[in-house]
Amino acid sequence: MPGLLRGVARTAVVAGTATAVSNRVSRRQGRRWAAQEQAPYDRDAQYPPEPAPTPAAPAAPGGTDRIAALKDLAELKTQGVLTEAEFEAEKARILAS
């Protein structure tokens, strides 16, 4: 049973992180498109600052869950899904929980 729970928890962390990143990328791209529509010929237009990231659901307490979450987070960074700043923010959040 603990192995099953660990697998479910790992899947939840990966899915939650992927969803948060996907939503963040969608919002960022939408803002860029909106800025391009407002000033299509102004190549030096500044984009509005990104809103603060919304905190994801806290990971379940326990050292092994945090280690698994950090490994999953590192995989997402290696795959190029997360930027260095996003990786550091999520890592700090996981370590603080």
PDB file of N, CA and C in Angstrom:
ATOM      1  N   MET A   1       0.803  -1.200   0.000  1.00  0.00           N
ATOM      2  CA  MET A   1       0.000   0.000   0.000  1.00  0.00           C
ATOM      3  C   MET A   1       0.851   1.271   0.000  1.00  0.00           C
ATOM      4  N   PRO A   2       1.981   1.347   0.779  1.00  0.00           N
ATOM      5  CA  PRO A   2       2.800   2.569   0.734  1.00  0.00           C
ATOM      6  C   PRO A   2       3.380   2.833  -0.648  1.00  0.00           C
ATOM      7  N   GLY A   3       3.730   1.780  -1.371  1.00  0.00           N
ATOM      8  CA  GLY A   3       4.268   1.962  -2.717  1.00  0.00           C
ATOM      9  C   GLY A   3       3.227   2.571  -3.645  1.00  0.00           C
ATOM     10  N   LEU A   4       1.980   2.140  -3.490  1.00  0.00           N
ATOM     11  CA  LEU A   4       0.897   2.676  -4.300  1.00  0.00           C
ATOM     12  C   LEU A   4       0.664   4.147  -3.966  1.00  0.00           C
ATOM     13  N   LEU A   5       0.676   4.479  -2.683  1.00  0.00           N
ATOM     14  CA  LEU A   5       0.479   5.868  -2.271  1.00  0.00           C
ATOM     15  C   LEU A   5       1.611   6.752  -2.761  1.00  0.00           C
ATOM     16  N   ARG A   6       2.834   6.231  -2.699  1.00  0.00           N
ATOM     17  CA  ARG A   6       3.984   6.999  -3.181  1.00  0.00           C
ATOM     18  C   ARG A   6       3.842   7.273  -4.678  1.00  0.00           C
ATOM     19  N   GLY A   7       3.406   6.268  -5.424  1.00  0.00           N
ATOM     20  CA  GLY A   7       3.216   6.447  -6.866  1.00  0.00           C
ATOM     21  C   GLY A   7       2.117   7.447  -7.168  1.00  0.00           C
ATOM     22  N   VAL A   8       1.037   7.381  -6.413  1.00  0.00           N
ATOM     23  CA  VAL A   8      -0.069   8.323  -6.605  1.00  0.00           C
ATOM     24  C   VAL A   8       0.382   9.736  -6.245  1.00  0.00           C
ATOM     25  N   ALA A   9       1.134   9.863  -5.148  1.00  0.00           N
ATOM     26  CA  ALA A   9       1.618  11.180  -4.730  1.00  0.00           C
ATOM     27  C   ALA A   9       2.569  11.756  -5.779  1.00  0.00           C
ATOM     28  N   ARG A  10       3.451  10.929  -6.300  1.00  0.00           N
ATOM     29  CA  ARG A  10       4.396  11.388  -7.325  1.00  0.00           C
ATOM     30  C   ARG A  10       3.639  11.848  -8.567  1.00  0.00           C
ATOM     31  N   THR A  11       2.651  11.084  -8.976  1.00  0.00           N
ATOM     32  CA  THR A  11       1.849  11.456 -10.135  1.00  0.00           C
ATOM     33  C   THR A  11       1.122  12.772  -9.891  1.00  0.00           C
ATOM     34  N   ALA A  12       0.599  12.948  -8.683  1.00  0.00           N
ATOM     35  CA  ALA A  12      -0.111  14.188  -8.354  1.00  0.00           C
ATOM     36  C   ALA A  12       0.839  15.383  -8.400  1.00  0.00           C
ATOM     37  N   VAL A  13       2.048  15.215  -7.909  1.00  0.00           N
ATOM     38  CA  VAL A  13       3.019  16.312  -7.912  1.00  0.00           C
ATOM     39  C   VAL A  13       3.388  16.666  -9.343  1.00  0.00           C
ATOM     40  N   VAL A  14       3.668  15.669 -10.155  1.00  0.00           N
ATOM     41  CA  VAL A  14       4.051  15.922 -11.547  1.00  0.00           C
ATOM     42  C   VAL A  14       2.894  16.572 -12.301  1.00  0.00           C
ATOM     43  N   ALA A  15       1.687  16.032 -12.118  1.00  0.00           N
ATOM     44  CA  ALA A  15       0.527  16.579 -12.821  1.00  0.00           C
ATOM     45  C   ALA A  15       0.243  18.009 -12.353  1.00  0.00           C
ATOM     46  N   GLY A  16       0.342  18.251 -11.068  1.00  0.00           N
ATOM     47  CA  GLY A  16       0.099  19.592 -10.555  1.00  0.00           C
ATOM     48  C   GLY A  16       1.123  20.589 -11.056  1.00  0.00           C
ATOM     49  N   THR A  17       2.386  20.189 -11.066  1.00  0.00           N
ATOM     50  CA  THR A  17       3.436  21.069 -11.553  1.00  0.00           C
ATOM     51  C   THR A  17       3.271  21.328 -13.046  1.00  0.00           C
ATOM     52  N   ALA A  18       2.980  20.276 -13.794  1.00  0.00           N
ATOM     53  CA  ALA A  18       2.799  20.430 -15.237  1.00  0.00           C
ATOM     54  C   ALA A  18       1.607  21.335 -15.537  1.00  0.00           C
ATOM     55  N   THR A  19       0.530  21.192 -14.787  1.00  0.00           N
ATOM     56  CA  THR A  19      -0.641  22.039 -14.988  1.00  0.00           C
ATOM     57  C   THR A  19      -0.321  23.492 -14.676  1.00  0.00           C
ATOM     58  N   ALA A  20       0.378  23.724 -13.564  1.00  0.00           N
ATOM     59  CA  ALA A  20       0.731  25.096 -13.191  1.00  0.00           C
ATOM     60  C   ALA A  20       1.631  25.733 -14.246  1.00  0.00           C
ATOM     61  N   VAL A  21       2.599  24.977 -14.728  1.00  0.00           N
ATOM     62  CA  VAL A  21       3.519  25.503 -15.740  1.00  0.00           C
ATOM     63  C   VAL A  21       2.775  25.762 -17.044  1.00  0.00           C
ATOM     64  N   SER A  22       1.914  24.837 -17.430  1.00  0.00           N
ATOM     65  CA  SER A  22       1.149  24.999 -18.661  1.00  0.00           C
ATOM     66  C   SER A  22       0.259  26.234 -18.595  1.00  0.00           C
ATOM     67  N   ASN A  23      -0.402  26.430 -17.463  1.00  0.00           N
ATOM     68  CA  ASN A  23      -1.257  27.605 -17.303  1.00  0.00           C
ATOM     69  C   ASN A  23      -0.431  28.886 -17.351  1.00  0.00           C
ATOM     70  N   ARG A  24       0.715  28.881 -16.716  1.00  0.00           N
ATOM     71  CA  ARG A  24       1.588  30.054 -16.702  1.00  0.00           C
ATOM     72  C   ARG A  24       2.059  30.385 -18.116  1.00  0.00           C
ATOM     73  N   VAL A  25       2.439  29.364 -18.879  1.00  0.00           N
ATOM     74  CA  VAL A  25       2.896  29.582 -20.250  1.00  0.00           C
ATOM     75  C   VAL A  25       1.750  30.114 -21.104  1.00  0.00           C
ATOM     76  N   SER A  26       0.548  29.582 -20.918  1.00  0.00           N
ATOM     77  CA  SER A  26      -0.607  30.049 -21.686  1.00  0.00           C
ATOM     78  C   SER A  26      -0.914  31.512 -21.393  1.00  0.00           C
ATOM     79  N   ARG A  27      -0.884  31.885 -20.112  1.00  0.00           N
ATOM     80  CA  ARG A  27      -1.144  33.276 -19.750  1.00  0.00           C
ATOM     81  C   ARG A  27      -0.076  34.195 -20.338  1.00  0.00           C
ATOM     82  N   ARG A  28       1.179  33.783 -20.239  1.00  0.00           N
ATOM     83  CA  ARG A  28       2.275  34.591 -20.765  1.00  0.00           C
ATOM     84  C   ARG A  28       2.123  34.772 -22.270  1.00  0.00           C
ATOM     85  N   GLN A  29       1.802  33.707 -22.989  1.00  0.00           N
ATOM     86  CA  GLN A  29       1.654  33.797 -24.440  1.00  0.00           C
ATOM     87  C   GLN A  29       0.458  34.671 -24.801  1.00  0.00           C
ATOM     88  N   GLY A  30      -0.628  34.551 -24.044  1.00  0.00           N
ATOM     89  CA  GLY A  30      -1.806  35.397 -24.297  1.00  0.00           C
ATOM     90  C   GLY A  30      -1.483  36.869 -24.132  1.00  0.00           C
ATOM     91  N   ARG A  31      -0.710  37.212 -23.102  1.00  0.00           N
ATOM     92  CA  ARG A  31      -0.308  38.607 -22.896  1.00  0.00           C
ATOM     93  C   ARG A  31       0.573  39.085 -24.047  1.00  0.00           C
ATOM     94  N   ARG A  32       1.444  38.239 -24.526  1.00  0.00           N
ATOM     95  CA  ARG A  32       2.314  38.640 -25.637  1.00  0.00           C
ATOM     96  C   ARG A  32       1.495  38.897 -26.892  1.00  0.00           C
ATOM     97  N   TRP A  33       0.535  38.027 -27.167  1.00  0.00           N
ATOM     98  CA  TRP A  33      -0.312  38.215 -28.340  1.00  0.00           C
ATOM     99  C   TRP A  33      -1.137  39.488 -28.205  1.00  0.00           C
ATOM    100  N   ALA A  34      -1.653  39.749 -27.012  1.00  0.00           N
ATOM    101  CA  ALA A  34      -2.432  40.964 -26.797  1.00  0.00           C
ATOM    102  C   ALA A  34      -1.562  42.195 -26.999  1.00  0.00           C
ATOM    103  N   ALA A  35      -0.329  42.152 -26.533  1.00  0.00           N
ATOM    104  CA  ALA A  35       0.579  43.280 -26.715  1.00  0.00           C
ATOM    105  C   ALA A  35       0.910  43.471 -28.191  1.00  0.00           C
ATOM    106  N   GLN A  36       1.033  42.396 -28.930  1.00  0.00           N
ATOM    107  CA  GLN A  36       1.329  42.495 -30.349  1.00  0.00           C
ATOM    108  C   GLN A  36       0.148  43.070 -31.115  1.00  0.00           C
ATOM    109  N   GLU A  37      -1.065  42.744 -30.694  1.00  0.00           N
ATOM    110  CA  GLU A  37      -2.252  43.282 -31.357  1.00  0.00           C
ATOM    111  C   GLU A  37      -2.383  44.777 -31.090  1.00  0.00           C
ATOM    112  N   GLN A  38      -2.003  45.221 -29.915  1.00  0.00           N
ATOM    113  CA  GLN A  38      -2.107  46.636 -29.579  1.00  0.00           C
ATOM    114  C   GLN A  38      -1.065  47.461 -30.329  1.00  0.00           C
ATOM    115  N   ALA A  39       0.119  46.963 -30.470  1.00  0.00           N
ATOM    116  CA  ALA A  39       1.193  47.694 -31.141  1.00  0.00           C
ATOM    117  C   ALA A  39       1.933  46.742 -32.080  1.00  0.00           C
ATOM    118  N   PRO A  40       1.319  46.399 -33.226  1.00  0.00           N
ATOM    119  CA  PRO A  40       1.938  45.388 -34.091  1.00  0.00           C
ATOM    120  C   PRO A  40       3.264  45.817 -34.707  1.00  0.00           C
ATOM    121  N   TYR A  41       3.530  47.130 -34.828  1.00  0.00           N
ATOM    122  CA  TYR A  41       4.757  47.559 -35.487  1.00  0.00           C
ATOM    123  C   TYR A  41       5.811  48.053 -34.512  1.00  0.00           C
ATOM    124  N   ASP A  42       5.481  48.093 -33.251  1.00  0.00           N
ATOM    125  CA  ASP A  42       6.429  48.557 -32.246  1.00  0.00           C
ATOM    126  C   ASP A  42       7.204  47.355 -31.699  1.00  0.00           C
ATOM    127  N   ARG A  43       8.379  47.095 -32.236  1.00  0.00           N
ATOM    128  CA  ARG A  43       9.157  45.928 -31.831  1.00  0.00           C
ATOM    129  C   ARG A  43       9.792  46.096 -30.462  1.00  0.00           C
ATOM    130  N   ASP A  44       9.901  47.329 -29.978  1.00  0.00           N
ATOM    131  CA  ASP A  44      10.518  47.578 -28.681  1.00  0.00           C
ATOM    132  C   ASP A  44       9.494  47.662 -27.557  1.00  0.00           C
ATOM    133  N   ALA A  45       8.260  47.267 -27.828  1.00  0.00           N
ATOM    134  CA  ALA A  45       7.207  47.358 -26.803  1.00  0.00           C
ATOM    135  C   ALA A  45       7.560  46.462 -25.618  1.00  0.00           C
ATOM    136  N   GLN A  46       7.322  46.979 -24.430  1.00  0.00           N
ATOM    137  CA  GLN A  46       7.586  46.211 -23.208  1.00  0.00           C
ATOM    138  C   GLN A  46       6.344  45.430 -22.832  1.00  0.00           C
ATOM    139  N   TYR A  47       6.545  44.205 -22.418  1.00  0.00           N
ATOM    140  CA  TYR A  47       5.444  43.364 -21.976  1.00  0.00           C
ATOM    141  C   TYR A  47       5.175  43.637 -20.511  1.00  0.00           C
ATOM    142  N   PRO A  48       3.929  43.493 -20.093  1.00  0.00           N
ATOM    143  CA  PRO A  48       3.616  43.719 -18.674  1.00  0.00           C
ATOM    144  C   PRO A  48       4.323  42.674 -17.813  1.00  0.00           C
ATOM    145  N   PRO A  49       4.634  43.020 -16.575  1.00  0.00           N
ATOM    146  CA  PRO A  49       5.314  42.044 -15.713  1.00  0.00           C
ATOM    147  C   PRO A  49       4.413  40.852 -15.423  1.00  0.00           C
ATOM    148  N   GLU A  50       5.041  39.717 -15.233  1.00  0.00           N
ATOM    149  CA  GLU A  50       4.283  38.502 -14.931  1.00  0.00           C
ATOM    150  C   GLU A  50       3.722  38.576 -13.526  1.00  0.00           C
ATOM    151  N   PRO A  51       2.503  38.054 -13.333  1.00  0.00           N
ATOM    152  CA  PRO A  51       1.964  38.021 -11.972  1.00  0.00           C
ATOM    153  C   PRO A  51       2.740  37.002 -11.137  1.00  0.00           C
ATOM    154  N   ALA A  52       2.667  37.169  -9.830  1.00  0.00           N
ATOM    155  CA  ALA A  52       3.346  36.234  -8.941  1.00  0.00           C
ATOM    156  C   ALA A  52       2.766  34.834  -9.155  1.00  0.00           C
ATOM    157  N   PRO A  53       3.600  33.801  -9.139  1.00  0.00           N
ATOM    158  CA  PRO A  53       3.094  32.446  -9.358  1.00  0.00           C
ATOM    159  C   PRO A  53       2.166  32.034  -8.231  1.00  0.00           C
ATOM    160  N   THR A  54       1.118  31.333  -8.611  1.00  0.00           N
ATOM    161  CA  THR A  54       0.184  30.844  -7.610  1.00  0.00           C
ATOM    162  C   THR A  54       0.780  29.608  -6.954  1.00  0.00           C
ATOM    163  N   PRO A  55       0.694  29.509  -5.647  1.00  0.00           N
ATOM    164  CA  PRO A  55       1.272  28.339  -4.983  1.00  0.00           C
ATOM    165  C   PRO A  55       0.490  27.076  -5.343  1.00  0.00           C
ATOM    166  N   ALA A  56       1.217  26.025  -5.625  1.00  0.00           N
ATOM    167  CA  ALA A  56       0.593  24.737  -5.923  1.00  0.00           C
ATOM    168  C   ALA A  56       0.177  24.087  -4.609  1.00  0.00           C
ATOM    169  N   ALA A  57      -0.591  23.032  -4.719  1.00  0.00           N
ATOM    170  CA  ALA A  57      -1.027  22.314  -3.526  1.00  0.00           C
ATOM    171  C   ALA A  57       0.199  21.802  -2.774  1.00  0.00           C
ATOM    172  N   PRO A  58       0.214  21.918  -1.456  1.00  0.00           N
ATOM    173  CA  PRO A  58       1.382  21.470  -0.706  1.00  0.00           C
ATOM    174  C   PRO A  58       1.571  19.960  -0.817  1.00  0.00           C
ATOM    175  N   ALA A  59       2.819  19.558  -0.857  1.00  0.00           N
ATOM    176  CA  ALA A  59       3.129  18.135  -0.929  1.00  0.00           C
ATOM    177  C   ALA A  59       2.839  17.486   0.418  1.00  0.00           C
ATOM    178  N   ALA A  60       2.576  16.204   0.374  1.00  0.00           N
ATOM    179  CA  ALA A  60       2.308  15.470   1.602  1.00  0.00           C
ATOM    180  C   ALA A  60       3.572  15.470   2.463  1.00  0.00           C
ATOM    181  N   PRO A  61       3.423  15.548   3.790  1.00  0.00           N
ATOM    182  CA  PRO A  61       4.609  15.569   4.641  1.00  0.00           C
ATOM    183  C   PRO A  61       5.393  14.265   4.532  1.00  0.00           C
ATOM    184  N   GLY A  62       6.669  14.367   4.712  1.00  0.00           N
ATOM    185  CA  GLY A  62       7.519  13.179   4.655  1.00  0.00           C
ATOM    186  C   GLY A  62       8.711  13.422   3.768  1.00  0.00           C
ATOM    187  N   GLY A  63       9.855  12.910   4.176  1.00  0.00           N
ATOM    188  CA  GLY A  63      11.082  13.129   3.436  1.00  0.00           C
ATOM    189  C   GLY A  63      11.087  12.494   2.066  1.00  0.00           C
ATOM    190  N   THR A  64      10.541  11.278   1.942  1.00  0.00           N
ATOM    191  CA  THR A  64      10.589  10.593   0.647  1.00  0.00           C
ATOM    192  C   THR A  64       9.713  11.286  -0.378  1.00  0.00           C
ATOM    193  N   ASP A  65       8.595  11.888   0.059  1.00  0.00           N
ATOM    194  CA  ASP A  65       7.734  12.588  -0.886  1.00  0.00           C
ATOM    195  C   ASP A  65       8.427  13.840  -1.412  1.00  0.00           C
ATOM    196  N   ARG A  66       9.145  14.539  -0.534  1.00  0.00           N
ATOM    197  CA  ARG A  66       9.865  15.730  -0.981  1.00  0.00           C
ATOM    198  C   ARG A  66      10.980  15.362  -1.946  1.00  0.00           C
ATOM    199  N   ILE A  67      11.660  14.276  -1.663  1.00  0.00           N
ATOM    200  CA  ILE A  67      12.738  13.836  -2.558  1.00  0.00           C
ATOM    201  C   ILE A  67      12.163  13.479  -3.925  1.00  0.00           C
ATOM    202  N   ALA A  68      11.048  12.766  -3.926  1.00  0.00           N
ATOM    203  CA  ALA A  68      10.410  12.391  -5.191  1.00  0.00           C
ATOM    204  C   ALA A  68       9.958  13.642  -5.942  1.00  0.00           C
ATOM    205  N   ALA A  69       9.395  14.611  -5.211  1.00  0.00           N
ATOM    206  CA  ALA A  69       8.947  15.849  -5.850  1.00  0.00           C
ATOM    207  C   ALA A  69      10.131  16.610  -6.443  1.00  0.00           C
ATOM    208  N   LEU A  70      11.243  16.649  -5.724  1.00  0.00           N
ATOM    209  CA  LEU A  70      12.429  17.330  -6.234  1.00  0.00           C
ATOM    210  C   LEU A  70      12.992  16.632  -7.471  1.00  0.00           C
ATOM    211  N   LYS A  71      12.955  15.301  -7.464  1.00  0.00           N
ATOM    212  CA  LYS A  71      13.419  14.559  -8.641  1.00  0.00           C
ATOM    213  C   LYS A  71      12.527  14.852  -9.841  1.00  0.00           C
ATOM    214  N   ASP A  72      11.218  14.861  -9.613  1.00  0.00           N
ATOM    215  CA  ASP A  72      10.284  15.157 -10.703  1.00  0.00           C
ATOM    216  C   ASP A  72      10.494  16.578 -11.218  1.00  0.00           C
ATOM    217  N   LEU A  73      10.730  17.497 -10.301  1.00  0.00           N
ATOM    218  CA  LEU A  73      10.971  18.885 -10.662  1.00  0.00           C
ATOM    219  C   LEU A  73      12.246  19.002 -11.497  1.00  0.00           C
ATOM    220  N   ALA A  74      13.278  18.272 -11.098  1.00  0.00           N
ATOM    221  CA  ALA A  74      14.538  18.282 -11.853  1.00  0.00           C
ATOM    222  C   ALA A  74      14.340  17.710 -13.258  1.00  0.00           C
ATOM    223  N   GLU A  75      13.498  16.682 -13.371  1.00  0.00           N
ATOM    224  CA  GLU A  75      13.204  16.120 -14.693  1.00  0.00           C
ATOM    225  C   GLU A  75      12.522  17.151 -15.582  1.00  0.00           C
ATOM    226  N   LEU A  76      11.567  17.896 -15.020  1.00  0.00           N
ATOM    227  CA  LEU A  76      10.883  18.923 -15.798  1.00  0.00           C
ATOM    228  C   LEU A  76      11.852  20.012 -16.248  1.00  0.00           C
ATOM    229  N   LYS A  77      12.796  20.372 -15.390  1.00  0.00           N
ATOM    230  CA  LYS A  77      13.786  21.383 -15.758  1.00  0.00           C
ATOM    231  C   LYS A  77      14.696  20.842 -16.858  1.00  0.00           C
ATOM    232  N   THR A  78      15.113  19.579 -16.731  1.00  0.00           N
ATOM    233  CA  THR A  78      15.975  18.960 -17.735  1.00  0.00           C
ATOM    234  C   THR A  78      15.279  18.894 -19.099  1.00  0.00           C
ATOM    235  N   GLN A  79      13.967  18.649 -19.070  1.00  0.00           N
ATOM    236  CA  GLN A  79      13.196  18.567 -20.316  1.00  0.00           C
ATOM    237  C   GLN A  79      12.952  19.945 -20.919  1.00  0.00           C
ATOM    238  N   GLY A  80      13.255  20.996 -20.182  1.00  0.00           N
ATOM    239  CA  GLY A  80      13.055  22.336 -20.697  1.00  0.00           C
ATOM    240  C   GLY A  80      11.673  22.899 -20.417  1.00  0.00           C
ATOM    241  N   VAL A  81      10.875  22.208 -19.612  1.00  0.00           N
ATOM    242  CA  VAL A  81       9.530  22.676 -19.286  1.00  0.00           C
ATOM    243  C   VAL A  81       9.603  23.852 -18.320  1.00  0.00           C
ATOM    244  N   LEU A  82      10.555  23.812 -17.386  1.00  0.00           N
ATOM    245  CA  LEU A  82      10.702  24.865 -16.389  1.00  0.00           C
ATOM    246  C   LEU A  82      11.949  25.692 -16.664  1.00  0.00           C
ATOM    247  N   THR A  83      11.854  26.984 -16.402  1.00  0.00           N
ATOM    248  CA  THR A  83      13.036  27.844 -16.473  1.00  0.00           C
ATOM    249  C   THR A  83      13.792  27.709 -15.165  1.00  0.00           C
ATOM    250  N   GLU A  84      14.982  28.261 -15.114  1.00  0.00           N
ATOM    251  CA  GLU A  84      15.793  28.204 -13.895  1.00  0.00           C
ATOM    252  C   GLU A  84      15.065  28.892 -12.741  1.00  0.00           C
ATOM    253  N   ALA A  85      14.449  30.047 -13.015  1.00  0.00           N
ATOM    254  CA  ALA A  85      13.743  30.787 -11.957  1.00  0.00           C
ATOM    255  C   ALA A  85      12.542  30.002 -11.443  1.00  0.00           C
ATOM    256  N   GLU A  86      11.781  29.397 -12.352  1.00  0.00           N
ATOM    257  CA  GLU A  86      10.624  28.600 -11.945  1.00  0.00           C
ATOM    258  C   GLU A  86      11.081  27.387 -11.130  1.00  0.00           C
ATOM    259  N   PHE A  87      12.184  26.772 -11.574  1.00  0.00           N
ATOM    260  CA  PHE A  87      12.709  25.614 -10.868  1.00  0.00           C
ATOM    261  C   PHE A  87      13.104  25.992  -9.446  1.00  0.00           C
ATOM    262  N   GLU A  88      13.829  27.110  -9.300  1.00  0.00           N
ATOM    263  CA  GLU A  88      14.273  27.533  -7.964  1.00  0.00           C
ATOM    264  C   GLU A  88      13.089  27.874  -7.065  1.00  0.00           C
ATOM    265  N   ALA A  89      12.060  28.510  -7.626  1.00  0.00           N
ATOM    266  CA  ALA A  89      10.879  28.877  -6.824  1.00  0.00           C
ATOM    267  C   ALA A  89      10.151  27.630  -6.345  1.00  0.00           C
ATOM    268  N   GLU A  90       9.950  26.664  -7.220  1.00  0.00           N
ATOM    269  CA  GLU A  90       9.261  25.437  -6.830  1.00  0.00           C
ATOM    270  C   GLU A  90      10.098  24.625  -5.857  1.00  0.00           C
ATOM    271  N   LYS A  91      11.424  24.610  -6.054  1.00  0.00           N
ATOM    272  CA  LYS A  91      12.303  23.886  -5.145  1.00  0.00           C
ATOM    273  C   LYS A  91      12.228  24.489  -3.749  1.00  0.00           C
ATOM    274  N   ALA A  92      12.242  25.816  -3.679  1.00  0.00           N
ATOM    275  CA  ALA A  92      12.130  26.477  -2.369  1.00  0.00           C
ATOM    276  C   ALA A  92      10.801  26.159  -1.707  1.00  0.00           C
ATOM    277  N   ARG A  93       9.727  26.126  -2.497  1.00  0.00           N
ATOM    278  CA  ARG A  93       8.395  25.818  -1.965  1.00  0.00           C
ATOM    279  C   ARG A  93       8.363  24.388  -1.415  1.00  0.00           C
ATOM    280  N   ILE A  94       8.941  23.453  -2.149  1.00  0.00           N
ATOM    281  CA  ILE A  94       8.942  22.043  -1.709  1.00  0.00           C
ATOM    282  C   ILE A  94       9.774  21.894  -0.442  1.00  0.00           C
ATOM    283  N   LEU A  95      10.934  22.520  -0.401  1.00  0.00           N
ATOM    284  CA  LEU A  95      11.800  22.400   0.756  1.00  0.00           C
ATOM    285  C   LEU A  95      11.212  23.087   1.993  1.00  0.00           C
ATOM    286  N   ALA A  96      10.403  24.112   1.780  1.00  0.00           N
ATOM    287  CA  ALA A  96       9.788  24.822   2.899  1.00  0.00           C
ATOM    288  C   ALA A  96       8.604  24.052   3.480  1.00  0.00           C
ATOM    289  N   SER A  97       8.047  23.137   2.709  1.00  0.00           N
ATOM    290  CA  SER A  97       6.867  22.400   3.203  1.00  0.00           C
ATOM    291  C   SER A  97       7.253  21.280   4.135  1.00  0.00           C
TER     292      SER A  97
END
